N, C-alpha and C. Protein backbone atom coordinates (compact mmCIF):
# COMPACT_ATOMS: atom_id res chain seq x y z
N MET A 1 36.31 -16.24 14.87
CA MET A 1 34.93 -15.99 14.45
C MET A 1 34.39 -14.77 15.18
N SER A 2 33.93 -13.79 14.44
CA SER A 2 33.39 -12.56 15.05
C SER A 2 31.90 -12.46 14.78
N HIS A 3 31.21 -11.74 15.65
CA HIS A 3 29.76 -11.60 15.46
C HIS A 3 29.27 -10.24 15.94
N THR A 4 28.13 -9.87 15.42
CA THR A 4 27.45 -8.63 15.79
C THR A 4 26.07 -8.99 16.32
N VAL A 5 25.64 -8.32 17.38
CA VAL A 5 24.32 -8.56 17.95
C VAL A 5 23.48 -7.30 17.80
N ILE A 6 22.28 -7.46 17.26
CA ILE A 6 21.32 -6.37 17.18
C ILE A 6 20.08 -6.78 17.98
N ALA A 7 19.76 -5.99 19.00
CA ALA A 7 18.61 -6.27 19.85
C ALA A 7 17.43 -5.41 19.43
N SER A 8 16.28 -6.05 19.25
CA SER A 8 15.05 -5.35 18.87
C SER A 8 13.93 -5.81 19.78
N GLY A 9 13.78 -5.15 20.90
CA GLY A 9 12.74 -5.53 21.86
C GLY A 9 13.24 -6.57 22.83
N GLU A 10 12.33 -7.03 23.68
CA GLU A 10 12.66 -7.97 24.73
C GLU A 10 13.00 -9.34 24.15
N SER A 11 14.07 -9.94 24.63
CA SER A 11 14.50 -11.25 24.16
C SER A 11 14.18 -12.31 25.19
N ARG A 12 13.50 -13.38 24.78
CA ARG A 12 13.27 -14.51 25.68
C ARG A 12 14.52 -15.37 25.80
N SER A 13 15.32 -15.41 24.77
CA SER A 13 16.53 -16.22 24.80
C SER A 13 17.62 -15.57 25.66
N PHE A 14 17.69 -14.26 25.62
CA PHE A 14 18.73 -13.55 26.36
C PHE A 14 18.12 -12.36 27.11
N PRO A 15 17.35 -12.65 28.17
CA PRO A 15 16.72 -11.57 28.92
C PRO A 15 17.70 -10.79 29.80
N GLU A 16 18.86 -11.39 30.04
CA GLU A 16 19.87 -10.75 30.88
C GLU A 16 21.23 -10.81 30.19
N ALA A 17 22.22 -10.20 30.83
CA ALA A 17 23.57 -10.19 30.27
C ALA A 17 24.06 -11.62 30.05
N HIS A 18 24.82 -11.79 28.97
CA HIS A 18 25.35 -13.12 28.64
C HIS A 18 26.65 -12.93 27.88
N PRO A 19 27.62 -13.86 28.02
CA PRO A 19 28.88 -13.72 27.29
C PRO A 19 28.73 -13.57 25.79
N LEU A 20 27.72 -14.21 25.20
CA LEU A 20 27.51 -14.08 23.75
C LEU A 20 27.21 -12.64 23.38
N LEU A 21 26.39 -11.99 24.18
CA LEU A 21 26.04 -10.59 23.91
C LEU A 21 27.24 -9.68 24.15
N ALA A 22 27.95 -9.93 25.24
CA ALA A 22 29.09 -9.09 25.60
C ALA A 22 30.20 -9.15 24.56
N ALA A 23 30.33 -10.29 23.90
CA ALA A 23 31.41 -10.47 22.95
C ALA A 23 31.10 -9.91 21.56
N GLY A 24 29.86 -9.49 21.35
CA GLY A 24 29.49 -8.96 20.05
C GLY A 24 30.17 -7.63 19.76
N GLY A 25 30.63 -7.46 18.53
CA GLY A 25 31.28 -6.21 18.14
C GLY A 25 30.43 -5.42 17.16
N GLU A 26 30.97 -4.30 16.72
CA GLU A 26 30.24 -3.45 15.77
C GLU A 26 30.20 -4.08 14.39
N SER A 27 31.14 -4.96 14.12
CA SER A 27 31.13 -5.67 12.84
C SER A 27 31.52 -7.12 13.09
N GLY A 28 31.09 -7.99 12.22
CA GLY A 28 31.39 -9.41 12.38
C GLY A 28 30.86 -10.18 11.20
N ASP A 29 31.30 -11.42 11.06
CA ASP A 29 30.83 -12.21 9.91
C ASP A 29 29.56 -12.99 10.20
N ILE A 30 29.11 -12.96 11.48
CA ILE A 30 27.83 -13.55 11.84
C ILE A 30 26.97 -12.48 12.49
N LEU A 31 25.74 -12.36 12.03
CA LEU A 31 24.80 -11.39 12.58
C LEU A 31 23.77 -12.11 13.42
N VAL A 32 23.63 -11.71 14.68
CA VAL A 32 22.66 -12.31 15.59
C VAL A 32 21.57 -11.28 15.89
N LEU A 33 20.34 -11.59 15.51
CA LEU A 33 19.20 -10.70 15.72
C LEU A 33 18.36 -11.27 16.85
N ILE A 34 18.25 -10.52 17.95
CA ILE A 34 17.50 -11.01 19.10
C ILE A 34 16.35 -10.08 19.43
N GLY A 35 15.39 -10.61 20.19
CA GLY A 35 14.26 -9.81 20.63
C GLY A 35 13.00 -10.10 19.86
N ALA A 36 11.90 -9.58 20.37
CA ALA A 36 10.61 -9.80 19.74
C ALA A 36 10.54 -9.22 18.34
N GLY A 37 11.37 -8.24 18.06
CA GLY A 37 11.39 -7.62 16.74
C GLY A 37 12.50 -8.13 15.84
N ALA A 38 13.05 -9.30 16.16
CA ALA A 38 14.17 -9.82 15.36
C ALA A 38 13.79 -10.03 13.90
N GLY A 39 12.59 -10.55 13.66
CA GLY A 39 12.15 -10.76 12.29
C GLY A 39 12.02 -9.47 11.52
N ALA A 40 11.49 -8.43 12.17
CA ALA A 40 11.36 -7.12 11.53
C ALA A 40 12.73 -6.52 11.25
N ALA A 41 13.68 -6.75 12.16
CA ALA A 41 15.04 -6.25 11.95
C ALA A 41 15.67 -6.92 10.74
N PHE A 42 15.38 -8.21 10.55
CA PHE A 42 15.89 -8.91 9.37
C PHE A 42 15.27 -8.35 8.10
N ALA A 43 13.96 -8.08 8.14
CA ALA A 43 13.28 -7.54 6.96
C ALA A 43 13.84 -6.17 6.59
N ALA A 44 14.31 -5.42 7.58
CA ALA A 44 14.84 -4.08 7.34
C ALA A 44 16.31 -4.08 6.95
N LEU A 45 16.94 -5.25 6.99
CA LEU A 45 18.36 -5.35 6.68
C LEU A 45 18.60 -5.01 5.21
N LYS A 46 19.46 -4.05 4.96
CA LYS A 46 19.66 -3.58 3.60
C LYS A 46 20.50 -4.54 2.76
N ASP A 47 21.52 -5.12 3.37
CA ASP A 47 22.41 -5.98 2.59
C ASP A 47 22.88 -7.15 3.44
N PRO A 48 22.26 -8.32 3.28
CA PRO A 48 22.67 -9.49 4.07
C PRO A 48 23.93 -10.18 3.54
N ALA A 49 24.36 -9.79 2.34
CA ALA A 49 25.45 -10.50 1.67
C ALA A 49 26.76 -10.58 2.46
N PRO A 50 27.14 -9.55 3.21
CA PRO A 50 28.45 -9.62 3.89
C PRO A 50 28.53 -10.67 5.00
N TYR A 51 27.40 -11.19 5.43
CA TYR A 51 27.41 -12.08 6.60
C TYR A 51 27.52 -13.54 6.20
N ARG A 52 28.38 -14.23 6.90
CA ARG A 52 28.54 -15.67 6.72
C ARG A 52 27.29 -16.41 7.16
N ALA A 53 26.63 -15.88 8.21
CA ALA A 53 25.38 -16.45 8.71
C ALA A 53 24.60 -15.36 9.39
N ILE A 54 23.28 -15.44 9.29
CA ILE A 54 22.37 -14.53 9.98
C ILE A 54 21.46 -15.38 10.84
N LEU A 55 21.40 -15.08 12.14
CA LEU A 55 20.63 -15.87 13.09
C LEU A 55 19.48 -15.02 13.62
N ILE A 56 18.25 -15.47 13.41
CA ILE A 56 17.06 -14.75 13.84
C ILE A 56 16.42 -15.46 15.02
N GLU A 57 16.26 -14.76 16.14
CA GLU A 57 15.57 -15.36 17.29
C GLU A 57 14.10 -15.57 16.94
N LEU A 58 13.60 -16.76 17.23
CA LEU A 58 12.21 -17.11 16.93
C LEU A 58 11.40 -17.26 18.21
N GLY A 59 10.08 -17.11 18.06
CA GLY A 59 9.16 -17.48 19.12
C GLY A 59 8.69 -18.91 18.82
N THR A 60 7.39 -19.08 18.61
CA THR A 60 6.90 -20.39 18.18
C THR A 60 6.79 -20.49 16.66
N GLU A 61 7.02 -19.38 15.97
CA GLU A 61 6.80 -19.37 14.53
C GLU A 61 7.92 -20.06 13.76
N CYS A 62 7.64 -20.38 12.51
CA CYS A 62 8.63 -20.96 11.62
C CYS A 62 9.58 -19.88 11.10
N LEU A 63 10.79 -20.28 10.77
CA LEU A 63 11.74 -19.37 10.14
C LEU A 63 11.19 -18.86 8.81
N GLY A 64 10.44 -19.71 8.12
CA GLY A 64 9.88 -19.33 6.82
C GLY A 64 8.98 -18.12 6.87
N VAL A 65 8.44 -17.80 8.04
CA VAL A 65 7.63 -16.59 8.20
C VAL A 65 8.47 -15.36 7.83
N HIS A 66 9.76 -15.43 8.11
CA HIS A 66 10.65 -14.29 7.88
C HIS A 66 11.42 -14.38 6.58
N THR A 67 11.69 -15.60 6.11
CA THR A 67 12.50 -15.75 4.89
C THR A 67 11.67 -16.06 3.66
N GLY A 68 10.43 -16.52 3.89
CA GLY A 68 9.60 -16.98 2.78
C GLY A 68 9.81 -18.47 2.54
N GLU A 69 8.82 -19.11 1.95
CA GLU A 69 8.90 -20.52 1.59
C GLU A 69 8.40 -20.70 0.17
N SER A 70 8.94 -21.72 -0.51
CA SER A 70 8.50 -21.97 -1.88
C SER A 70 8.11 -23.43 -2.04
N ARG A 71 8.99 -24.23 -2.64
CA ARG A 71 8.65 -25.62 -2.96
C ARG A 71 9.47 -26.61 -2.15
N GLY A 72 9.93 -26.18 -0.98
CA GLY A 72 10.75 -27.05 -0.16
C GLY A 72 12.22 -26.98 -0.50
N ASP A 73 12.61 -25.98 -1.32
CA ASP A 73 14.02 -25.85 -1.68
C ASP A 73 14.63 -24.58 -1.09
N GLU A 74 13.96 -24.02 -0.06
CA GLU A 74 14.49 -22.82 0.55
C GLU A 74 15.71 -23.14 1.43
N GLY A 75 16.50 -22.13 1.69
CA GLY A 75 17.69 -22.31 2.51
C GLY A 75 18.83 -21.46 2.00
N GLY A 76 19.59 -20.92 2.91
CA GLY A 76 20.71 -20.07 2.55
C GLY A 76 21.53 -19.78 3.80
N THR A 77 21.87 -18.53 3.98
CA THR A 77 22.71 -18.15 5.12
C THR A 77 21.89 -17.78 6.36
N VAL A 78 20.56 -17.83 6.26
CA VAL A 78 19.70 -17.41 7.38
C VAL A 78 19.23 -18.63 8.16
N LEU A 79 19.41 -18.57 9.47
CA LEU A 79 18.95 -19.62 10.38
C LEU A 79 18.06 -19.00 11.43
N GLY A 80 17.21 -19.82 12.02
CA GLY A 80 16.45 -19.40 13.19
C GLY A 80 17.07 -20.02 14.43
N PHE A 81 16.76 -19.46 15.59
CA PHE A 81 17.23 -20.06 16.83
C PHE A 81 16.34 -19.62 17.98
N ALA A 82 16.34 -20.41 19.02
CA ALA A 82 15.68 -20.04 20.27
C ALA A 82 16.35 -20.81 21.40
N ARG A 83 16.65 -20.13 22.45
CA ARG A 83 17.20 -20.76 23.65
C ARG A 83 16.01 -21.29 24.45
N PHE A 84 15.99 -22.59 24.70
CA PHE A 84 14.79 -23.16 25.30
C PHE A 84 14.53 -22.60 26.68
N ARG A 85 13.27 -22.25 26.89
CA ARG A 85 12.86 -21.63 28.15
C ARG A 85 11.41 -22.01 28.42
N LEU A 86 11.15 -22.52 29.61
CA LEU A 86 9.79 -22.87 30.00
C LEU A 86 9.16 -21.70 30.74
N GLY A 87 8.19 -21.08 30.13
CA GLY A 87 7.43 -20.02 30.78
C GLY A 87 8.30 -18.93 31.36
N ASN A 88 8.11 -18.70 32.67
CA ASN A 88 8.83 -17.63 33.34
C ASN A 88 10.17 -18.06 33.92
N ALA A 89 10.53 -19.33 33.73
CA ALA A 89 11.81 -19.81 34.25
C ALA A 89 12.96 -19.18 33.48
N ALA A 90 14.15 -19.24 34.07
CA ALA A 90 15.33 -18.74 33.37
C ALA A 90 15.60 -19.59 32.14
N PRO A 91 16.18 -19.01 31.09
CA PRO A 91 16.51 -19.81 29.90
C PRO A 91 17.49 -20.93 30.24
N SER A 92 17.33 -22.05 29.57
CA SER A 92 18.28 -23.15 29.73
C SER A 92 19.53 -22.86 28.89
N ASP A 93 20.48 -23.78 28.92
CA ASP A 93 21.67 -23.63 28.09
C ASP A 93 21.48 -24.25 26.70
N LEU A 94 20.29 -24.77 26.43
CA LEU A 94 20.03 -25.40 25.13
C LEU A 94 19.55 -24.37 24.12
N VAL A 95 20.22 -24.31 22.99
CA VAL A 95 19.79 -23.48 21.87
C VAL A 95 19.35 -24.40 20.74
N GLU A 96 18.10 -24.26 20.33
CA GLU A 96 17.58 -25.01 19.19
C GLU A 96 17.81 -24.16 17.94
N ILE A 97 18.59 -24.69 17.01
CA ILE A 97 18.91 -24.00 15.76
C ILE A 97 18.01 -24.54 14.66
N VAL A 98 17.38 -23.65 13.93
CA VAL A 98 16.43 -24.04 12.88
C VAL A 98 17.07 -23.86 11.51
N ARG A 99 17.13 -24.94 10.77
CA ARG A 99 17.64 -24.89 9.40
C ARG A 99 16.51 -25.18 8.42
N GLN A 100 16.70 -24.78 7.19
CA GLN A 100 15.74 -25.08 6.14
C GLN A 100 16.31 -26.18 5.24
N PRO A 101 15.51 -26.71 4.31
CA PRO A 101 15.94 -27.90 3.56
C PRO A 101 17.30 -27.79 2.87
N ARG A 102 17.61 -26.60 2.34
CA ARG A 102 18.86 -26.48 1.59
C ARG A 102 19.85 -25.54 2.27
N THR A 103 19.72 -25.39 3.58
CA THR A 103 20.71 -24.61 4.31
C THR A 103 22.07 -25.32 4.25
N PRO A 104 23.12 -24.64 3.83
CA PRO A 104 24.43 -25.30 3.76
C PRO A 104 24.92 -25.78 5.13
N ASP A 105 25.56 -26.93 5.17
CA ASP A 105 26.07 -27.46 6.42
C ASP A 105 27.08 -26.50 7.07
N ALA A 106 27.83 -25.79 6.24
CA ALA A 106 28.84 -24.87 6.77
C ALA A 106 28.20 -23.74 7.56
N VAL A 107 27.01 -23.31 7.15
CA VAL A 107 26.31 -22.25 7.85
C VAL A 107 25.82 -22.76 9.21
N VAL A 108 25.29 -23.97 9.23
CA VAL A 108 24.86 -24.58 10.48
C VAL A 108 26.05 -24.75 11.42
N ALA A 109 27.16 -25.22 10.88
CA ALA A 109 28.36 -25.43 11.69
C ALA A 109 28.85 -24.12 12.30
N ALA A 110 28.78 -23.03 11.55
CA ALA A 110 29.21 -21.73 12.07
C ALA A 110 28.32 -21.28 13.22
N ALA A 111 27.02 -21.50 13.09
CA ALA A 111 26.09 -21.12 14.16
C ALA A 111 26.34 -21.95 15.41
N ARG A 112 26.52 -23.24 15.24
CA ARG A 112 26.79 -24.10 16.39
C ARG A 112 28.08 -23.68 17.09
N ALA A 113 29.09 -23.41 16.31
CA ALA A 113 30.38 -23.02 16.88
C ALA A 113 30.26 -21.73 17.68
N LEU A 114 29.48 -20.79 17.17
CA LEU A 114 29.31 -19.52 17.88
C LEU A 114 28.64 -19.72 19.23
N PHE A 115 27.53 -20.42 19.25
CA PHE A 115 26.82 -20.63 20.51
C PHE A 115 27.66 -21.45 21.49
N GLU A 116 28.28 -22.50 21.00
CA GLU A 116 29.03 -23.39 21.88
C GLU A 116 30.29 -22.72 22.42
N ALA A 117 30.85 -21.77 21.67
CA ALA A 117 32.02 -21.03 22.14
C ALA A 117 31.69 -20.15 23.33
N HIS A 118 30.39 -19.89 23.52
CA HIS A 118 29.97 -19.03 24.64
C HIS A 118 29.17 -19.81 25.69
N GLY A 119 29.48 -21.10 25.80
CA GLY A 119 28.96 -21.91 26.89
C GLY A 119 27.59 -22.51 26.71
N LEU A 120 27.04 -22.46 25.51
CA LEU A 120 25.70 -22.99 25.25
C LEU A 120 25.79 -24.34 24.53
N LYS A 121 24.72 -25.12 24.64
CA LYS A 121 24.60 -26.40 23.93
C LYS A 121 23.64 -26.22 22.77
N THR A 122 23.85 -26.96 21.69
CA THR A 122 23.00 -26.76 20.52
C THR A 122 22.38 -28.06 20.04
N ALA A 123 21.20 -27.92 19.46
CA ALA A 123 20.53 -29.00 18.75
C ALA A 123 19.96 -28.40 17.47
N VAL A 124 19.95 -29.15 16.40
CA VAL A 124 19.51 -28.64 15.11
C VAL A 124 18.22 -29.34 14.71
N CYS A 125 17.26 -28.56 14.22
CA CYS A 125 15.99 -29.14 13.78
C CYS A 125 15.53 -28.49 12.49
N GLY A 126 14.54 -29.12 11.86
CA GLY A 126 13.93 -28.56 10.68
C GLY A 126 13.03 -27.39 11.05
N ASP A 127 12.48 -26.77 10.02
CA ASP A 127 11.68 -25.56 10.23
C ASP A 127 10.23 -25.91 10.52
N PHE A 128 9.95 -26.21 11.80
CA PHE A 128 8.61 -26.58 12.24
C PHE A 128 8.20 -25.71 13.43
N PRO A 129 6.91 -25.42 13.56
CA PRO A 129 6.45 -24.64 14.71
C PRO A 129 6.82 -25.33 16.02
N GLY A 130 7.37 -24.58 16.97
CA GLY A 130 7.68 -25.14 18.28
C GLY A 130 8.96 -25.91 18.37
N ARG A 131 9.58 -26.23 17.21
CA ARG A 131 10.87 -26.94 17.19
C ARG A 131 10.81 -28.28 17.93
N ILE A 132 11.89 -28.67 18.64
CA ILE A 132 11.98 -30.02 19.19
C ILE A 132 11.29 -30.16 20.54
N VAL A 133 11.75 -29.40 21.52
CA VAL A 133 11.31 -29.64 22.89
C VAL A 133 9.81 -29.41 23.06
N ASP A 134 9.32 -28.27 22.60
CA ASP A 134 7.89 -27.99 22.77
C ASP A 134 7.02 -29.01 22.05
N ARG A 135 7.48 -29.47 20.88
CA ARG A 135 6.69 -30.46 20.15
C ARG A 135 6.60 -31.77 20.93
N LEU A 136 7.63 -32.07 21.72
CA LEU A 136 7.65 -33.32 22.46
C LEU A 136 6.96 -33.22 23.82
N VAL A 137 7.18 -32.12 24.54
CA VAL A 137 6.72 -32.09 25.93
C VAL A 137 5.34 -31.48 26.14
N ARG A 138 4.89 -30.64 25.23
CA ARG A 138 3.60 -29.98 25.48
C ARG A 138 2.43 -30.97 25.53
N PRO A 139 2.35 -31.98 24.66
CA PRO A 139 1.28 -32.97 24.82
C PRO A 139 1.36 -33.72 26.15
N TYR A 140 2.57 -33.98 26.61
CA TYR A 140 2.77 -34.64 27.91
C TYR A 140 2.21 -33.78 29.04
N TYR A 141 2.50 -32.49 29.03
CA TYR A 141 1.98 -31.59 30.06
C TYR A 141 0.45 -31.51 29.98
N ASN A 142 -0.07 -31.42 28.77
CA ASN A 142 -1.53 -31.39 28.61
C ASN A 142 -2.17 -32.67 29.16
N ALA A 143 -1.53 -33.80 28.87
CA ALA A 143 -2.07 -35.08 29.36
C ALA A 143 -2.06 -35.12 30.88
N ALA A 144 -0.99 -34.64 31.50
CA ALA A 144 -0.91 -34.63 32.96
C ALA A 144 -2.01 -33.75 33.56
N LEU A 145 -2.24 -32.60 32.96
CA LEU A 145 -3.31 -31.72 33.46
C LEU A 145 -4.67 -32.36 33.26
N GLY A 146 -4.86 -33.06 32.14
CA GLY A 146 -6.11 -33.75 31.91
C GLY A 146 -6.36 -34.88 32.90
N ARG A 147 -5.31 -35.62 33.25
CA ARG A 147 -5.45 -36.70 34.24
C ARG A 147 -5.74 -36.13 35.63
N LEU A 148 -5.24 -34.95 35.89
CA LEU A 148 -5.55 -34.29 37.15
C LEU A 148 -7.03 -33.92 37.20
N ASP A 149 -7.56 -33.42 36.10
CA ASP A 149 -8.99 -33.13 36.00
C ASP A 149 -9.82 -34.40 36.19
N ALA A 150 -9.31 -35.50 35.65
CA ALA A 150 -10.04 -36.77 35.73
C ALA A 150 -9.91 -37.45 37.09
N LYS A 151 -9.13 -36.82 37.98
CA LYS A 151 -8.94 -37.33 39.35
C LYS A 151 -8.23 -38.68 39.38
N LEU A 152 -7.29 -38.86 38.45
CA LEU A 152 -6.47 -40.06 38.47
C LEU A 152 -5.70 -40.14 39.79
N ALA A 153 -5.19 -39.00 40.23
CA ALA A 153 -4.46 -38.91 41.50
C ALA A 153 -4.35 -37.44 41.85
N THR A 154 -3.88 -37.17 43.06
CA THR A 154 -3.65 -35.77 43.42
C THR A 154 -2.43 -35.26 42.65
N ALA A 155 -2.29 -33.96 42.58
CA ALA A 155 -1.14 -33.37 41.90
C ALA A 155 0.15 -33.83 42.57
N ALA A 156 0.15 -33.87 43.90
CA ALA A 156 1.36 -34.27 44.62
C ALA A 156 1.74 -35.71 44.31
N ASP A 157 0.74 -36.60 44.25
CA ASP A 157 1.04 -38.01 43.98
C ASP A 157 1.46 -38.24 42.53
N MET A 158 0.86 -37.51 41.61
CA MET A 158 1.29 -37.62 40.21
C MET A 158 2.74 -37.18 40.06
N ASP A 159 3.08 -36.06 40.68
CA ASP A 159 4.45 -35.57 40.59
C ASP A 159 5.42 -36.55 41.23
N LEU A 160 5.06 -37.04 42.40
CA LEU A 160 5.94 -37.97 43.11
C LEU A 160 6.17 -39.25 42.32
N THR A 161 5.10 -39.77 41.72
CA THR A 161 5.20 -41.00 40.95
C THR A 161 6.15 -40.86 39.78
N LEU A 162 6.05 -39.75 39.05
CA LEU A 162 6.90 -39.55 37.89
C LEU A 162 8.35 -39.28 38.30
N LYS A 163 8.54 -38.63 39.42
CA LYS A 163 9.91 -38.38 39.88
C LYS A 163 10.58 -39.67 40.35
N LEU A 164 9.87 -40.46 41.14
CA LEU A 164 10.46 -41.69 41.65
C LEU A 164 10.44 -42.81 40.63
N GLY A 165 9.37 -42.89 39.85
CA GLY A 165 9.25 -43.99 38.89
C GLY A 165 10.09 -43.81 37.64
N LEU A 166 10.21 -42.57 37.16
CA LEU A 166 10.93 -42.32 35.92
C LEU A 166 12.20 -41.50 36.11
N GLY A 167 12.45 -41.08 37.33
CA GLY A 167 13.67 -40.33 37.59
C GLY A 167 13.63 -38.88 37.16
N TYR A 168 12.42 -38.33 36.91
CA TYR A 168 12.32 -36.93 36.54
C TYR A 168 12.72 -36.06 37.73
N PRO A 169 13.45 -34.98 37.51
CA PRO A 169 13.83 -34.11 38.62
C PRO A 169 12.66 -33.31 39.19
N GLU A 170 11.61 -33.17 38.38
CA GLU A 170 10.45 -32.37 38.79
C GLU A 170 9.21 -32.93 38.11
N GLY A 171 8.12 -33.02 38.85
CA GLY A 171 6.88 -33.52 38.27
C GLY A 171 6.23 -32.49 37.36
N PRO A 172 5.33 -32.92 36.47
CA PRO A 172 4.75 -32.01 35.48
C PRO A 172 3.89 -30.91 36.09
N ILE A 173 3.14 -31.23 37.13
CA ILE A 173 2.25 -30.22 37.70
C ILE A 173 3.05 -29.14 38.42
N GLU A 174 4.00 -29.55 39.24
CA GLU A 174 4.80 -28.56 39.96
C GLU A 174 5.66 -27.75 38.99
N LEU A 175 6.12 -28.39 37.92
CA LEU A 175 6.90 -27.65 36.92
C LEU A 175 6.05 -26.57 36.27
N LEU A 176 4.82 -26.90 35.87
CA LEU A 176 3.96 -25.92 35.22
C LEU A 176 3.54 -24.81 36.19
N GLU A 177 3.36 -25.16 37.47
CA GLU A 177 3.03 -24.13 38.45
C GLU A 177 4.20 -23.17 38.62
N ARG A 178 5.42 -23.71 38.58
CA ARG A 178 6.61 -22.87 38.77
C ARG A 178 6.86 -21.98 37.56
N THR A 179 6.66 -22.51 36.37
CA THR A 179 7.01 -21.76 35.16
C THR A 179 5.84 -20.99 34.57
N GLY A 180 4.62 -21.30 34.99
CA GLY A 180 3.47 -20.52 34.53
C GLY A 180 2.51 -21.29 33.64
N LEU A 181 1.33 -21.58 34.19
CA LEU A 181 0.30 -22.26 33.40
C LEU A 181 -0.19 -21.39 32.26
N ALA A 182 -0.25 -20.07 32.49
CA ALA A 182 -0.71 -19.17 31.43
C ALA A 182 0.26 -19.19 30.25
N ALA A 183 1.56 -19.26 30.55
CA ALA A 183 2.56 -19.34 29.48
C ALA A 183 2.42 -20.65 28.71
N HIS A 184 2.12 -21.74 29.42
CA HIS A 184 1.87 -23.02 28.75
C HIS A 184 0.68 -22.90 27.81
N CYS A 185 -0.34 -22.19 28.25
CA CYS A 185 -1.52 -21.98 27.41
C CYS A 185 -1.14 -21.25 26.12
N ASP A 186 -0.31 -20.23 26.23
CA ASP A 186 0.09 -19.45 25.06
C ASP A 186 0.82 -20.33 24.04
N VAL A 187 1.77 -21.13 24.52
CA VAL A 187 2.57 -21.95 23.60
C VAL A 187 1.70 -23.04 22.96
N THR A 188 0.89 -23.73 23.77
CA THR A 188 0.08 -24.81 23.20
C THR A 188 -0.98 -24.27 22.24
N GLN A 189 -1.53 -23.10 22.54
CA GLN A 189 -2.51 -22.51 21.62
C GLN A 189 -1.86 -22.21 20.27
N ALA A 190 -0.63 -21.66 20.31
CA ALA A 190 0.07 -21.35 19.06
C ALA A 190 0.36 -22.62 18.26
N LEU A 191 0.76 -23.69 18.95
CA LEU A 191 1.03 -24.95 18.25
C LEU A 191 -0.25 -25.58 17.73
N TYR A 192 -1.31 -25.49 18.50
CA TYR A 192 -2.60 -26.03 18.05
C TYR A 192 -3.09 -25.29 16.81
N ASP A 193 -2.96 -23.96 16.83
CA ASP A 193 -3.38 -23.16 15.67
C ASP A 193 -2.56 -23.52 14.43
N ALA A 194 -1.26 -23.76 14.62
CA ALA A 194 -0.38 -24.03 13.49
C ALA A 194 -0.52 -25.45 12.96
N LEU A 195 -0.74 -26.41 13.87
CA LEU A 195 -0.68 -27.82 13.49
C LEU A 195 -2.04 -28.51 13.42
N GLY A 196 -3.02 -27.97 14.15
CA GLY A 196 -4.35 -28.57 14.16
C GLY A 196 -4.42 -29.91 14.85
N ASP A 197 -3.44 -30.22 15.68
CA ASP A 197 -3.37 -31.50 16.38
C ASP A 197 -3.96 -31.32 17.77
N ALA A 198 -4.99 -32.12 18.10
CA ALA A 198 -5.68 -31.96 19.38
C ALA A 198 -4.77 -32.15 20.58
N ALA A 199 -3.64 -32.85 20.41
CA ALA A 199 -2.72 -33.06 21.52
C ALA A 199 -2.14 -31.74 22.03
N TYR A 200 -2.17 -30.71 21.17
CA TYR A 200 -1.62 -29.41 21.56
C TYR A 200 -2.68 -28.43 22.03
N ALA A 201 -3.95 -28.80 21.97
CA ALA A 201 -5.00 -27.90 22.44
C ALA A 201 -4.80 -27.62 23.92
N PRO A 202 -4.80 -26.36 24.34
CA PRO A 202 -4.51 -26.03 25.73
C PRO A 202 -5.43 -26.76 26.70
N ALA A 203 -4.86 -27.37 27.73
CA ALA A 203 -5.64 -28.04 28.75
C ALA A 203 -6.50 -27.04 29.51
N ARG A 204 -7.61 -27.53 30.07
CA ARG A 204 -8.56 -26.63 30.74
C ARG A 204 -7.89 -25.78 31.81
N ARG A 205 -7.06 -26.39 32.65
CA ARG A 205 -6.43 -25.64 33.73
C ARG A 205 -5.51 -24.54 33.20
N ALA A 206 -4.88 -24.77 32.07
CA ALA A 206 -4.05 -23.75 31.45
C ALA A 206 -4.92 -22.61 30.92
N GLN A 207 -6.08 -22.94 30.36
CA GLN A 207 -6.99 -21.91 29.88
C GLN A 207 -7.51 -21.04 31.04
N VAL A 208 -7.81 -21.69 32.15
CA VAL A 208 -8.26 -20.94 33.33
C VAL A 208 -7.17 -19.98 33.80
N ALA A 209 -5.94 -20.47 33.87
CA ALA A 209 -4.83 -19.63 34.30
C ALA A 209 -4.65 -18.43 33.36
N LYS A 210 -4.79 -18.67 32.07
CA LYS A 210 -4.66 -17.58 31.10
C LYS A 210 -5.76 -16.56 31.28
N ALA A 211 -6.99 -17.02 31.50
CA ALA A 211 -8.12 -16.11 31.71
C ALA A 211 -7.92 -15.27 32.97
N ARG A 212 -7.43 -15.91 34.03
CA ARG A 212 -7.20 -15.19 35.28
C ARG A 212 -6.06 -14.17 35.12
N ALA A 213 -5.05 -14.52 34.34
CA ALA A 213 -3.95 -13.58 34.11
C ALA A 213 -4.43 -12.35 33.36
N GLY A 214 -5.40 -12.56 32.46
CA GLY A 214 -5.93 -11.44 31.69
C GLY A 214 -6.79 -10.50 32.50
N GLU A 215 -7.29 -10.98 33.65
CA GLU A 215 -8.14 -10.15 34.50
C GLU A 215 -7.33 -9.24 35.42
N LYS A 216 -6.04 -9.54 35.57
CA LYS A 216 -5.20 -8.77 36.51
C LYS A 216 -4.62 -7.54 35.85
């Protein structure tokens, strides 16, 4: 299996050198578009037909933003993907692959095989804003910040309780401080705008951090 990588701007999934990038050649049957301009690079692609699969790096947006949507029967050789990353932390080894309703299984299998051949783990989800992890954890982080505002406990005690009681390696408050409250604000605001669910509305402390970041 061969692949080509085209970088368009800064990539959150691959901010540094990685075996997947190093192994890319000038031609290949899978095209990987990375960077903030990945969607624009796809739009500028003259002929997608030669590729077995085309993988577009996503932010919080849906793949349909780049491919179009109709009546729920969209799907072809184009997939979305994002390597999960919390704020400013290094990317994890998890790649969330986004498929559409009628994406062929063979195309999904080719994408999984490519990522996994270069040391990454994959999970497949439907075409929804924020994909799997952000949809699950962002309300939890917002709730933790809200309980801190409500003085349920100190940040240290909340973190300690969740680590010892549930076996989490890191508590929610210390995790958000390490990875960036302002970044959490950005992601939750995007999900709130897309979904209209109050659980994703940025917590007050995240809004404060975002405002302070804008002043610097």
